Amino acid sequence: VQLVESGGGLVQAGASLRLSCAGSGFTFGSYGLAWVRRPPGKEFEWVSTINAGAGDIIVYHDSVRGRFTISRDNARNTLYLEMNSLKPEDTAVYYCVREVNWLTFDYWGQGTQVYVSS
């Protein structure tokens, strides 16, 4: 199982970024997926979850609801996180994770750094 994130970077507050996560080594569409982030000096923070298959069940952390959009393309084995209206407090390493049960993750990507300047 491999999860590889991309798309992070340095942006100013108010800007947008789209993160991608390419999955391999497993039946991508059969698993729920999520994004988790770790702000500098803080604990891991769950961001959003999308269910297996059609991805029609989506949940967001209150801090990102209305600004972030999670989606998946099972034909391309890719998970996305569209991030709009970014804030300095969104600065973190963002991880793509495979979710086997609610907030239970068994595989993690290596992470991609997002830095939002004020």
PDB file of N, CA and C in Angstrom:
ATOM      1  N   VAL A   1       0.853  -1.187   0.000  1.00  0.00           N
ATOM      2  CA  VAL A   1       0.000   0.000   0.000  1.00  0.00           C
ATOM      3  C   VAL A   1       0.886   1.234   0.000  1.00  0.00           C
ATOM      4  N   GLN A   2       0.576   2.147  -0.883  1.00  0.00           N
ATOM      5  CA  GLN A   2       1.340   3.386  -0.939  1.00  0.00           C
ATOM      6  C   GLN A   2       0.392   4.548  -1.178  1.00  0.00           C
ATOM      7  N   LEU A   3       0.608   5.629  -0.444  1.00  0.00           N
ATOM      8  CA  LEU A   3      -0.133   6.870  -0.607  1.00  0.00           C
ATOM      9  C   LEU A   3       0.896   7.984  -0.781  1.00  0.00           C
ATOM     10  N   VAL A   4       0.799   8.741  -1.862  1.00  0.00           N
ATOM     11  CA  VAL A   4       1.790   9.770  -2.167  1.00  0.00           C
ATOM     12  C   VAL A   4       1.086  11.099  -2.388  1.00  0.00           C
ATOM     13  N   GLU A   5       1.331  12.045  -1.497  1.00  0.00           N
ATOM     14  CA  GLU A   5       0.720  13.361  -1.588  1.00  0.00           C
ATOM     15  C   GLU A   5       1.555  14.304  -2.442  1.00  0.00           C
ATOM     16  N   SER A   6       0.898  15.280  -3.013  1.00  0.00           N
ATOM     17  CA  SER A   6       1.566  16.350  -3.745  1.00  0.00           C
ATOM     18  C   SER A   6       0.683  17.586  -3.718  1.00  0.00           C
ATOM     19  N   GLY A   7       1.268  18.727  -4.075  1.00  0.00           N
ATOM     20  CA  GLY A   7       0.479  19.943  -4.218  1.00  0.00           C
ATOM     21  C   GLY A   7       0.659  20.968  -3.123  1.00  0.00           C
ATOM     22  N   GLY A   8       1.437  20.648  -2.103  1.00  0.00           N
ATOM     23  CA  GLY A   8       1.663  21.623  -1.054  1.00  0.00           C
ATOM     24  C   GLY A   8       2.528  22.778  -1.535  1.00  0.00           C
ATOM     25  N   GLY A   9       2.681  23.781  -0.675  1.00  0.00           N
ATOM     26  CA  GLY A   9       3.509  24.911  -1.037  1.00  0.00           C
ATOM     27  C   GLY A   9       3.329  26.064  -0.093  1.00  0.00           C
ATOM     28  N   LEU A  10       3.912  27.197  -0.489  1.00  0.00           N
ATOM     29  CA  LEU A  10       3.846  28.433   0.284  1.00  0.00           C
ATOM     30  C   LEU A  10       2.905  29.392  -0.431  1.00  0.00           C
ATOM     31  N   VAL A  11       1.867  29.836   0.284  1.00  0.00           N
ATOM     32  CA  VAL A  11       0.901  30.772  -0.293  1.00  0.00           C
ATOM     33  C   VAL A  11       0.580  31.854   0.724  1.00  0.00           C
ATOM     34  N   GLN A  12      -0.033  32.929   0.245  1.00  0.00           N
ATOM     35  CA  GLN A  12      -0.488  33.992   1.136  1.00  0.00           C
ATOM     36  C   GLN A  12      -1.902  33.693   1.631  1.00  0.00           C
ATOM     37  N   ALA A  13      -2.259  34.274   2.734  1.00  0.00           N
ATOM     38  CA  ALA A  13      -3.610  34.120   3.270  1.00  0.00           C
ATOM     39  C   ALA A  13      -4.636  34.531   2.219  1.00  0.00           C
ATOM     40  N   GLY A  14      -5.687  33.746   2.118  1.00  0.00           N
ATOM     41  CA  GLY A  14      -6.738  34.005   1.140  1.00  0.00           C
ATOM     42  C   GLY A  14      -6.576  33.242  -0.160  1.00  0.00           C
ATOM     43  N   ALA A  15      -5.413  32.660  -0.354  1.00  0.00           N
ATOM     44  CA  ALA A  15      -5.144  31.922  -1.586  1.00  0.00           C
ATOM     45  C   ALA A  15      -5.739  30.516  -1.537  1.00  0.00           C
ATOM     46  N   SER A  16      -5.561  29.804  -2.630  1.00  0.00           N
ATOM     47  CA  SER A  16      -6.070  28.439  -2.741  1.00  0.00           C
ATOM     48  C   SER A  16      -4.943  27.476  -3.101  1.00  0.00           C
ATOM     49  N   LEU A  17      -5.121  26.234  -2.720  1.00  0.00           N
ATOM     50  CA  LEU A  17      -4.222  25.151  -3.106  1.00  0.00           C
ATOM     51  C   LEU A  17      -5.060  23.898  -3.293  1.00  0.00           C
ATOM     52  N   ARG A  18      -4.593  23.013  -4.153  1.00  0.00           N
ATOM     53  CA  ARG A  18      -5.223  21.707  -4.285  1.00  0.00           C
ATOM     54  C   ARG A  18      -4.188  20.631  -4.020  1.00  0.00           C
ATOM     55  N   LEU A  19      -4.457  19.825  -3.023  1.00  0.00           N
ATOM     56  CA  LEU A  19      -3.605  18.688  -2.715  1.00  0.00           C
ATOM     57  C   LEU A  19      -4.131  17.449  -3.439  1.00  0.00           C
ATOM     58  N   SER A  20      -3.213  16.609  -3.852  1.00  0.00           N
ATOM     59  CA  SER A  20      -3.568  15.330  -4.472  1.00  0.00           C
ATOM     60  C   SER A  20      -2.883  14.206  -3.715  1.00  0.00           C
ATOM     61  N   CYS A  21      -3.489  13.031  -3.781  1.00  0.00           N
ATOM     62  CA  CYS A  21      -2.911  11.849  -3.143  1.00  0.00           C
ATOM     63  C   CYS A  21      -3.131  10.663  -4.078  1.00  0.00           C
ATOM     64  N   ALA A  22      -2.036  10.115  -4.564  1.00  0.00           N
ATOM     65  CA  ALA A  22      -2.117   8.959  -5.455  1.00  0.00           C
ATOM     66  C   ALA A  22      -1.977   7.681  -4.648  1.00  0.00           C
ATOM     67  N   GLY A  23      -2.947   6.806  -4.775  1.00  0.00           N
ATOM     68  CA  GLY A  23      -2.916   5.546  -4.046  1.00  0.00           C
ATOM     69  C   GLY A  23      -2.550   4.390  -4.956  1.00  0.00           C
ATOM     70  N   SER A  24      -1.859   3.391  -4.398  1.00  0.00           N
ATOM     71  CA  SER A  24      -1.500   2.196  -5.152  1.00  0.00           C
ATOM     72  C   SER A  24      -1.334   1.026  -4.193  1.00  0.00           C
ATOM     73  N   GLY A  25      -1.394  -0.173  -4.759  1.00  0.00           N
ATOM     74  CA  GLY A  25      -1.182  -1.374  -3.955  1.00  0.00           C
ATOM     75  C   GLY A  25      -2.414  -1.876  -3.229  1.00  0.00           C
ATOM     76  N   PHE A  26      -3.571  -1.264  -3.510  1.00  0.00           N
ATOM     77  CA  PHE A  26      -4.816  -1.736  -2.897  1.00  0.00           C
ATOM     78  C   PHE A  26      -5.968  -1.319  -3.800  1.00  0.00           C
ATOM     79  N   THR A  27      -7.146  -1.875  -3.541  1.00  0.00           N
ATOM     80  CA  THR A  27      -8.327  -1.528  -4.322  1.00  0.00           C
ATOM     81  C   THR A  27      -8.842  -0.182  -3.832  1.00  0.00           C
ATOM     82  N   PHE A  28      -8.410   0.868  -4.523  1.00  0.00           N
ATOM     83  CA  PHE A  28      -8.596   2.248  -4.053  1.00  0.00           C
ATOM     84  C   PHE A  28     -10.050   2.557  -3.728  1.00  0.00           C
ATOM     85  N   GLY A  29     -10.947   2.205  -4.620  1.00  0.00           N
ATOM     86  CA  GLY A  29     -12.352   2.578  -4.449  1.00  0.00           C
ATOM     87  C   GLY A  29     -13.045   1.868  -3.305  1.00  0.00           C
ATOM     88  N   SER A  30     -12.438   0.859  -2.748  1.00  0.00           N
ATOM     89  CA  SER A  30     -13.066   0.060  -1.695  1.00  0.00           C
ATOM     90  C   SER A  30     -12.817   0.595  -0.289  1.00  0.00           C
ATOM     91  N   TYR A  31     -12.075   1.669  -0.188  1.00  0.00           N
ATOM     92  CA  TYR A  31     -11.702   2.183   1.134  1.00  0.00           C
ATOM     93  C   TYR A  31     -12.115   3.635   1.324  1.00  0.00           C
ATOM     94  N   GLY A  32     -12.516   3.935   2.552  1.00  0.00           N
ATOM     95  CA  GLY A  32     -12.659   5.320   2.943  1.00  0.00           C
ATOM     96  C   GLY A  32     -11.278   5.948   3.049  1.00  0.00           C
ATOM     97  N   LEU A  33     -11.216   7.241   2.808  1.00  0.00           N
ATOM     98  CA  LEU A  33      -9.960   7.975   2.836  1.00  0.00           C
ATOM     99  C   LEU A  33     -10.168   9.272   3.607  1.00  0.00           C
ATOM    100  N   ALA A  34      -9.086   9.816   4.074  1.00  0.00           N
ATOM    101  CA  ALA A  34      -9.182  11.054   4.841  1.00  0.00           C
ATOM    102  C   ALA A  34      -7.923  11.879   4.679  1.00  0.00           C
ATOM    103  N   TRP A  35      -8.029  13.118   5.085  1.00  0.00           N
ATOM    104  CA  TRP A  35      -6.870  14.017   5.213  1.00  0.00           C
ATOM    105  C   TRP A  35      -6.718  14.352   6.698  1.00  0.00           C
ATOM    106  N   VAL A  36      -5.480  14.287   7.136  1.00  0.00           N
ATOM    107  CA  VAL A  36      -5.103  14.616   8.506  1.00  0.00           C
ATOM    108  C   VAL A  36      -3.950  15.606   8.411  1.00  0.00           C
ATOM    109  N   ARG A  37      -3.882  16.570   9.298  1.00  0.00           N
ATOM    110  CA  ARG A  37      -2.786  17.533   9.260  1.00  0.00           C
ATOM    111  C   ARG A  37      -2.124  17.653  10.626  1.00  0.00           C
ATOM    112  N   ARG A  38      -0.878  18.110  10.587  1.00  0.00           N
ATOM    113  CA  ARG A  38      -0.160  18.351  11.825  1.00  0.00           C
ATOM    114  C   ARG A  38       0.447  19.741  11.766  1.00  0.00           C
ATOM    115  N   PRO A  39      -0.149  20.690  12.463  1.00  0.00           N
ATOM    116  CA  PRO A  39       0.419  22.037  12.516  1.00  0.00           C
ATOM    117  C   PRO A  39       1.752  22.015  13.270  1.00  0.00           C
ATOM    118  N   PRO A  40       2.628  22.960  13.034  1.00  0.00           N
ATOM    119  CA  PRO A  40       3.921  22.964  13.709  1.00  0.00           C
ATOM    120  C   PRO A  40       3.760  23.020  15.222  1.00  0.00           C
ATOM    121  N   GLY A  41       4.393  22.095  15.913  1.00  0.00           N
ATOM    122  CA  GLY A  41       4.369  22.077  17.358  1.00  0.00           C
ATOM    123  C   GLY A  41       3.080  21.585  17.987  1.00  0.00           C
ATOM    124  N   LYS A  42       2.169  21.063  17.162  1.00  0.00           N
ATOM    125  CA  LYS A  42       0.865  20.622  17.687  1.00  0.00           C
ATOM    126  C   LYS A  42       0.608  19.158  17.355  1.00  0.00           C
ATOM    127  N   GLU A  43      -0.493  18.630  17.882  1.00  0.00           N
ATOM    128  CA  GLU A  43      -0.875  17.256  17.620  1.00  0.00           C
ATOM    129  C   GLU A  43      -1.525  17.126  16.234  1.00  0.00           C
ATOM    130  N   PHE A  44      -1.644  15.889  15.793  1.00  0.00           N
ATOM    131  CA  PHE A  44      -2.343  15.612  14.546  1.00  0.00           C
ATOM    132  C   PHE A  44      -3.803  16.051  14.678  1.00  0.00           C
ATOM    133  N   GLU A  45      -4.352  16.527  13.571  1.00  0.00           N
ATOM    134  CA  GLU A  45      -5.731  17.020  13.546  1.00  0.00           C
ATOM    135  C   GLU A  45      -6.428  16.459  12.316  1.00  0.00           C
ATOM    136  N   TRP A  46      -7.489  15.718  12.546  1.00  0.00           N
ATOM    137  CA  TRP A  46      -8.267  15.206  11.424  1.00  0.00           C
ATOM    138  C   TRP A  46      -8.922  16.372  10.687  1.00  0.00           C
ATOM    139  N   VAL A  47      -8.941  16.321   9.352  1.00  0.00           N
ATOM    140  CA  VAL A  47      -9.469  17.412   8.536  1.00  0.00           C
ATOM    141  C   VAL A  47     -10.780  17.020   7.850  1.00  0.00           C
ATOM    142  N   SER A  48     -10.777  15.881   7.173  1.00  0.00           N
ATOM    143  CA  SER A  48     -11.962  15.510   6.405  1.00  0.00           C
ATOM    144  C   SER A  48     -11.912  14.038   6.034  1.00  0.00           C
ATOM    145  N   THR A  49     -13.077  13.453   5.868  1.00  0.00           N
ATOM    146  CA  THR A  49     -13.221  12.050   5.473  1.00  0.00           C
ATOM    147  C   THR A  49     -14.196  11.923   4.320  1.00  0.00           C
ATOM    148  N   ILE A  50     -13.889  11.007   3.408  1.00  0.00           N
ATOM    149  CA  ILE A  50     -14.797  10.671   2.320  1.00  0.00           C
ATOM    150  C   ILE A  50     -14.963   9.157   2.311  1.00  0.00           C
ATOM    151  N   ASN A  51     -16.191   8.688   2.125  1.00  0.00           N
ATOM    152  CA  ASN A  51     -16.430   7.254   2.222  1.00  0.00           C
ATOM    153  C   ASN A  51     -15.981   6.530   0.961  1.00  0.00           C
ATOM    154  N   ALA A  52     -15.975   5.208   1.047  1.00  0.00           N
ATOM    155  CA  ALA A  52     -15.575   4.371  -0.086  1.00  0.00           C
ATOM    156  C   ALA A  52     -16.611   4.465  -1.202  1.00  0.00           C
ATOM    157  N   GLY A  53     -16.214   3.975  -2.369  1.00  0.00           N
ATOM    158  CA  GLY A  53     -17.132   3.943  -3.494  1.00  0.00           C
ATOM    159  C   GLY A  53     -17.382   5.324  -4.067  1.00  0.00           C
ATOM    160  N   ALA A  54     -18.627   5.688  -4.131  1.00  0.00           N
ATOM    161  CA  ALA A  54     -19.012   6.937  -4.780  1.00  0.00           C
ATOM    162  C   ALA A  54     -18.546   8.181  -4.039  1.00  0.00           C
ATOM    163  N   GLY A  55     -18.156   8.062  -2.811  1.00  0.00           N
ATOM    164  CA  GLY A  55     -17.711   9.233  -2.057  1.00  0.00           C
ATOM    165  C   GLY A  55     -18.846  10.209  -1.795  1.00  0.00           C
ATOM    166  N   ASP A  56     -20.008   9.666  -1.505  1.00  0.00           N
ATOM    167  CA  ASP A  56     -21.167  10.524  -1.301  1.00  0.00           C
ATOM    168  C   ASP A  56     -21.421  10.837   0.161  1.00  0.00           C
ATOM    169  N   ILE A  57     -20.569  10.350   1.033  1.00  0.00           N
ATOM    170  CA  ILE A  57     -20.658  10.710   2.441  1.00  0.00           C
ATOM    171  C   ILE A  57     -19.347  11.393   2.805  1.00  0.00           C
ATOM    172  N   ILE A  58     -19.443  12.650   3.169  1.00  0.00           N
ATOM    173  CA  ILE A  58     -18.274  13.491   3.431  1.00  0.00           C
ATOM    174  C   ILE A  58     -18.475  14.216   4.750  1.00  0.00           C
ATOM    175  N   VAL A  59     -17.418  14.270   5.518  1.00  0.00           N
ATOM    176  CA  VAL A  59     -17.455  14.956   6.803  1.00  0.00           C
ATOM    177  C   VAL A  59     -16.241  15.873   6.885  1.00  0.00           C
ATOM    178  N   TYR A  60     -16.432  17.038   7.466  1.00  0.00           N
ATOM    179  CA  TYR A  60     -15.361  18.018   7.634  1.00  0.00           C
ATOM    180  C   TYR A  60     -15.218  18.431   9.089  1.00  0.00           C
ATOM    181  N   HIS A  61     -13.989  18.750   9.462  1.00  0.00           N
ATOM    182  CA  HIS A  61     -13.737  19.411  10.733  1.00  0.00           C
ATOM    183  C   HIS A  61     -14.363  20.800  10.650  1.00  0.00           C
ATOM    184  N   ASP A  62     -14.871  21.277  11.786  1.00  0.00           N
ATOM    185  CA  ASP A  62     -15.522  22.582  11.798  1.00  0.00           C
ATOM    186  C   ASP A  62     -14.612  23.695  11.277  1.00  0.00           C
ATOM    187  N   SER A  63     -13.320  23.568  11.529  1.00  0.00           N
ATOM    188  CA  SER A  63     -12.395  24.655  11.175  1.00  0.00           C
ATOM    189  C   SER A  63     -12.202  24.805   9.664  1.00  0.00           C
ATOM    190  N   VAL A  64     -12.590  23.798   8.887  1.00  0.00           N
ATOM    191  CA  VAL A  64     -12.367  23.866   7.438  1.00  0.00           C
ATOM    192  C   VAL A  64     -13.669  23.808   6.636  1.00  0.00           C
ATOM    193  N   ARG A  65     -14.769  23.512   7.323  1.00  0.00           N
ATOM    194  CA  ARG A  65     -16.045  23.372   6.592  1.00  0.00           C
ATOM    195  C   ARG A  65     -16.383  24.663   5.881  1.00  0.00           C
ATOM    196  N   GLY A  66     -16.758  24.557   4.611  1.00  0.00           N
ATOM    197  CA  GLY A  66     -17.079  25.722   3.811  1.00  0.00           C
ATOM    198  C   GLY A  66     -15.896  26.301   3.057  1.00  0.00           C
ATOM    199  N   ARG A  67     -14.683  25.885   3.430  1.00  0.00           N
ATOM    200  CA  ARG A  67     -13.474  26.371   2.733  1.00  0.00           C
ATOM    201  C   ARG A  67     -12.764  25.244   1.993  1.00  0.00           C
ATOM    202  N   PHE A  68     -12.811  24.040   2.552  1.00  0.00           N
ATOM    203  CA  PHE A  68     -12.115  22.891   1.954  1.00  0.00           C
ATOM    204  C   PHE A  68     -13.133  21.951   1.328  1.00  0.00           C
ATOM    205  N   THR A  69     -12.717  21.280   0.247  1.00  0.00           N
ATOM    206  CA  THR A  69     -13.556  20.277  -0.412  1.00  0.00           C
ATOM    207  C   THR A  69     -12.734  19.032  -0.677  1.00  0.00           C
ATOM    208  N   ILE A  70     -13.197  17.909  -0.143  1.00  0.00           N
ATOM    209  CA  ILE A  70     -12.549  16.624  -0.388  1.00  0.00           C
ATOM    210  C   ILE A  70     -13.283  15.925  -1.524  1.00  0.00           C
ATOM    211  N   SER A  71     -12.526  15.230  -2.365  1.00  0.00           N
ATOM    212  CA  SER A  71     -13.148  14.473  -3.448  1.00  0.00           C
ATOM    213  C   SER A  71     -12.225  13.323  -3.837  1.00  0.00           C
ATOM    214  N   ARG A  72     -12.766  12.399  -4.603  1.00  0.00           N
ATOM    215  CA  ARG A  72     -11.962  11.260  -5.027  1.00  0.00           C
ATOM    216  C   ARG A  72     -12.300  10.893  -6.464  1.00  0.00           C
ATOM    217  N   ASP A  73     -11.299  10.374  -7.181  1.00  0.00           N
ATOM    218  CA  ASP A  73     -11.467   9.871  -8.528  1.00  0.00           C
ATOM    219  C   ASP A  73     -10.954   8.436  -8.515  1.00  0.00           C
ATOM    220  N   ASN A  74     -11.855   7.502  -8.392  1.00  0.00           N
ATOM    221  CA  ASN A  74     -11.445   6.108  -8.257  1.00  0.00           C
ATOM    222  C   ASN A  74     -10.827   5.563  -9.548  1.00  0.00           C
ATOM    223  N   ALA A  75     -11.202   6.100 -10.674  1.00  0.00           N
ATOM    224  CA  ALA A  75     -10.607   5.662 -11.940  1.00  0.00           C
ATOM    225  C   ALA A  75      -9.131   6.035 -12.010  1.00  0.00           C
ATOM    226  N   ARG A  76      -8.772   7.122 -11.342  1.00  0.00           N
ATOM    227  CA  ARG A  76      -7.377   7.580 -11.317  1.00  0.00           C
ATOM    228  C   ARG A  76      -6.681   7.245 -10.000  1.00  0.00           C
ATOM    229  N   ASN A  77      -7.377   6.538  -9.111  1.00  0.00           N
ATOM    230  CA  ASN A  77      -6.800   6.188  -7.804  1.00  0.00           C
ATOM    231  C   ASN A  77      -6.244   7.430  -7.096  1.00  0.00           C
ATOM    232  N   THR A  78      -7.006   8.499  -7.111  1.00  0.00           N
ATOM    233  CA  THR A  78      -6.507   9.762  -6.570  1.00  0.00           C
ATOM    234  C   THR A  78      -7.537  10.409  -5.646  1.00  0.00           C
ATOM    235  N   LEU A  79      -7.044  10.902  -4.539  1.00  0.00           N
ATOM    236  CA  LEU A  79      -7.818  11.666  -3.565  1.00  0.00           C
ATOM    237  C   LEU A  79      -7.378  13.123  -3.661  1.00  0.00           C
ATOM    238  N   TYR A  80      -8.324  14.034  -3.491  1.00  0.00           N
ATOM    239  CA  TYR A  80      -8.018  15.461  -3.588  1.00  0.00           C
ATOM    240  C   TYR A  80      -8.483  16.214  -2.340  1.00  0.00           C
ATOM    241  N   LEU A  81      -7.843  17.353  -2.109  1.00  0.00           N
ATOM    242  CA  LEU A  81      -8.328  18.301  -1.117  1.00  0.00           C
ATOM    243  C   LEU A  81      -8.163  19.692  -1.708  1.00  0.00           C
ATOM    244  N   GLU A  82      -9.277  20.285  -2.076  1.00  0.00           N
ATOM    245  CA  GLU A  82      -9.280  21.654  -2.580  1.00  0.00           C
ATOM    246  C   GLU A  82      -9.405  22.576  -1.379  1.00  0.00           C
ATOM    247  N   MET A  83      -8.436  23.466  -1.226  1.00  0.00           N
ATOM    248  CA  MET A  83      -8.397  24.353  -0.062  1.00  0.00           C
ATOM    249  C   MET A  83      -8.503  25.797  -0.538  1.00  0.00           C
ATOM    250  N   ASN A  84      -9.552  26.468  -0.129  1.00  0.00           N
ATOM    251  CA  ASN A  84      -9.775  27.868  -0.492  1.00  0.00           C
ATOM    252  C   ASN A  84      -9.738  28.752   0.749  1.00  0.00           C
ATOM    253  N   SER A  85      -9.584  30.036   0.517  1.00  0.00           N
ATOM    254  CA  SER A  85      -9.563  31.006   1.626  1.00  0.00           C
ATOM    255  C   SER A  85      -8.630  30.554   2.739  1.00  0.00           C
ATOM    256  N   LEU A  86      -7.428  30.189   2.358  1.00  0.00           N
ATOM    257  CA  LEU A  86      -6.487  29.656   3.336  1.00  0.00           C
ATOM    258  C   LEU A  86      -6.115  30.702   4.378  1.00  0.00           C
ATOM    259  N   LYS A  87      -5.904  30.210   5.590  1.00  0.00           N
ATOM    260  CA  LYS A  87      -5.559  31.052   6.723  1.00  0.00           C
ATOM    261  C   LYS A  87      -4.204  30.604   7.272  1.00  0.00           C
ATOM    262  N   PRO A  88      -3.499  31.487   7.963  1.00  0.00           N
ATOM    263  CA  PRO A  88      -2.218  31.078   8.555  1.00  0.00           C
ATOM    264  C   PRO A  88      -2.356  29.855   9.456  1.00  0.00           C
ATOM    265  N   GLU A  89      -3.481  29.706  10.118  1.00  0.00           N
ATOM    266  CA  GLU A  89      -3.665  28.551  10.996  1.00  0.00           C
ATOM    267  C   GLU A  89      -3.868  27.243  10.233  1.00  0.00           C
ATOM    268  N   ASP A  90      -3.976  27.306   8.919  1.00  0.00           N
ATOM    269  CA  ASP A  90      -4.004  26.090   8.103  1.00  0.00           C
ATOM    270  C   ASP A  90      -2.593  25.563   7.830  1.00  0.00           C
ATOM    271  N   THR A  91      -1.587  26.306   8.219  1.00  0.00           N
ATOM    272  CA  THR A  91      -0.207  25.859   8.037  1.00  0.00           C
ATOM    273  C   THR A  91       0.009  24.531   8.763  1.00  0.00           C
ATOM    274  N   ALA A  92       0.475  23.544   8.024  1.00  0.00           N
ATOM    275  CA  ALA A  92       0.645  22.198   8.583  1.00  0.00           C
ATOM    276  C   ALA A  92       1.247  21.280   7.529  1.00  0.00           C
ATOM    277  N   VAL A  93       1.664  20.117   7.976  1.00  0.00           N
ATOM    278  CA  VAL A  93       1.946  19.019   7.051  1.00  0.00           C
ATOM    279  C   VAL A  93       0.639  18.251   6.879  1.00  0.00           C
ATOM    280  N   TYR A  94       0.236  18.060   5.652  1.00  0.00           N
ATOM    281  CA  TYR A  94      -1.023  17.391   5.350  1.00  0.00           C
ATOM    282  C   TYR A  94      -0.744  15.966   4.897  1.00  0.00           C
ATOM    283  N   TYR A  95      -1.460  15.028   5.522  1.00  0.00           N
ATOM    284  CA  TYR A  95      -1.278  13.608   5.242  1.00  0.00           C
ATOM    285  C   TYR A  95      -2.558  13.026   4.650  1.00  0.00           C
ATOM    286  N   CYS A  96      -2.383  12.206   3.657  1.00  0.00           N
ATOM    287  CA  CYS A  96      -3.453  11.377   3.097  1.00  0.00           C
ATOM    288  C   CYS A  96      -3.422  10.047   3.857  1.00  0.00           C
ATOM    289  N   VAL A  97      -4.590   9.590   4.314  1.00  0.00           N
ATOM    290  CA  VAL A  97      -4.636   8.358   5.100  1.00  0.00           C
ATOM    291  C   VAL A  97      -5.763   7.461   4.621  1.00  0.00           C
ATOM    292  N   ARG A  98      -5.551   6.169   4.781  1.00  0.00           N
ATOM    293  CA  ARG A  98      -6.606   5.202   4.498  1.00  0.00           C
ATOM    294  C   ARG A  98      -7.360   4.955   5.800  1.00  0.00           C
ATOM    295  N   GLU A  99      -8.693   5.078   5.728  1.00  0.00           N
ATOM    296  CA  GLU A  99      -9.516   4.999   6.930  1.00  0.00           C
ATOM    297  C   GLU A  99     -10.285   3.680   6.943  1.00  0.00           C
ATOM    298  N   VAL A 100      -9.991   2.823   7.908  1.00  0.00           N
ATOM    299  CA  VAL A 100     -10.637   1.518   7.956  1.00  0.00           C
ATOM    300  C   VAL A 100     -11.905   1.525   8.800  1.00  0.00           C
ATOM    301  N   ASN A 101     -11.967   2.426   9.747  1.00  0.00           N
ATOM    302  CA  ASN A 101     -13.160   2.701  10.538  1.00  0.00           C
ATOM    303  C   ASN A 101     -13.117   4.185  10.868  1.00  0.00           C
ATOM    304  N   TRP A 102     -14.174   4.721  11.430  1.00  0.00           N
ATOM    305  CA  TRP A 102     -14.232   6.146  11.742  1.00  0.00           C
ATOM    306  C   TRP A 102     -13.013   6.560  12.574  1.00  0.00           C
ATOM    307  N   LEU A 103     -12.207   7.425  12.012  1.00  0.00           N
ATOM    308  CA  LEU A 103     -11.006   7.976  12.645  1.00  0.00           C
ATOM    309  C   LEU A 103      -9.992   6.894  13.026  1.00  0.00           C
ATOM    310  N   THR A 104     -10.019   5.790  12.320  1.00  0.00           N
ATOM    311  CA  THR A 104      -9.023   4.733  12.488  1.00  0.00           C
ATOM    312  C   THR A 104      -8.305   4.573  11.155  1.00  0.00           C
ATOM    313  N   PHE A 105      -7.012   4.857  11.162  1.00  0.00           N
ATOM    314  CA  PHE A 105      -6.240   4.920   9.924  1.00  0.00           C
ATOM    315  C   PHE A 105      -5.151   3.855   9.941  1.00  0.00           C
ATOM    316  N   ASP A 106      -4.998   3.125   8.838  1.00  0.00           N
ATOM    317  CA  ASP A 106      -3.988   2.070   8.829  1.00  0.00           C
ATOM    318  C   ASP A 106      -2.792   2.367   7.932  1.00  0.00           C
ATOM    319  N   TYR A 107      -2.939   3.247   6.968  1.00  0.00           N
ATOM    320  CA  TYR A 107      -1.798   3.624   6.126  1.00  0.00           C
ATOM    321  C   TYR A 107      -1.785   5.143   5.954  1.00  0.00           C
ATOM    322  N   TRP A 108      -0.574   5.700   5.966  1.00  0.00           N
ATOM    323  CA  TRP A 108      -0.365   7.135   5.848  1.00  0.00           C
ATOM    324  C   TRP A 108       0.582   7.416   4.692  1.00  0.00           C
ATOM    325  N   GLY A 109       0.388   8.548   4.039  1.00  0.00           N
ATOM    326  CA  GLY A 109       1.374   9.030   3.084  1.00  0.00           C
ATOM    327  C   GLY A 109       2.519   9.703   3.822  1.00  0.00           C
ATOM    328  N   GLN A 110       3.452  10.232   3.060  1.00  0.00           N
ATOM    329  CA  GLN A 110       4.636  10.854   3.661  1.00  0.00           C
ATOM    330  C   GLN A 110       4.372  12.309   4.065  1.00  0.00           C
ATOM    331  N   GLY A 111       3.281  12.866   3.570  1.00  0.00           N
ATOM    332  CA  GLY A 111       2.913  14.233   3.920  1.00  0.00           C
ATOM    333  C   GLY A 111       3.393  15.261   2.915  1.00  0.00           C
ATOM    334  N   THR A 112       2.659  16.361   2.844  1.00  0.00           N
ATOM    335  CA  THR A 112       3.046  17.491   2.007  1.00  0.00           C
ATOM    336  C   THR A 112       2.864  18.761   2.827  1.00  0.00           C
ATOM    337  N   GLN A 113       3.834  19.655   2.766  1.00  0.00           N
ATOM    338  CA  GLN A 113       3.846  20.850   3.611  1.00  0.00           C
ATOM    339  C   GLN A 113       3.019  21.972   2.971  1.00  0.00           C
ATOM    340  N   VAL A 114       2.148  22.545   3.780  1.00  0.00           N
ATOM    341  CA  VAL A 114       1.404  23.736   3.373  1.00  0.00           C
ATOM    342  C   VAL A 114       1.768  24.849   4.346  1.00  0.00           C
ATOM    343  N   TYR A 115       2.202  25.982   3.789  1.00  0.00           N
ATOM    344  CA  TYR A 115       2.552  27.124   4.624  1.00  0.00           C
ATOM    345  C   TYR A 115       1.776  28.329   4.123  1.00  0.00           C
ATOM    346  N   VAL A 116       0.993  28.926   5.024  1.00  0.00           N
ATOM    347  CA  VAL A 116       0.174  30.076   4.671  1.00  0.00           C
ATOM    348  C   VAL A 116       0.693  31.292   5.422  1.00  0.00           C
ATOM    349  N   SER A 117       1.163  32.268   4.690  1.00  0.00           N
ATOM    350  CA  SER A 117       1.693  33.467   5.312  1.00  0.00           C
ATOM    351  C   SER A 117       0.592  34.515   5.483  1.00  0.00           C
ATOM    352  N   SER A 118       0.743  35.334   6.512  1.00  0.00           N
ATOM    353  CA  SER A 118      -0.274  36.364   6.787  1.00  0.00           C
ATOM    354  C   SER A 118       0.022  37.643   6.037  1.00  0.00           C
TER     355      SER A 118
END
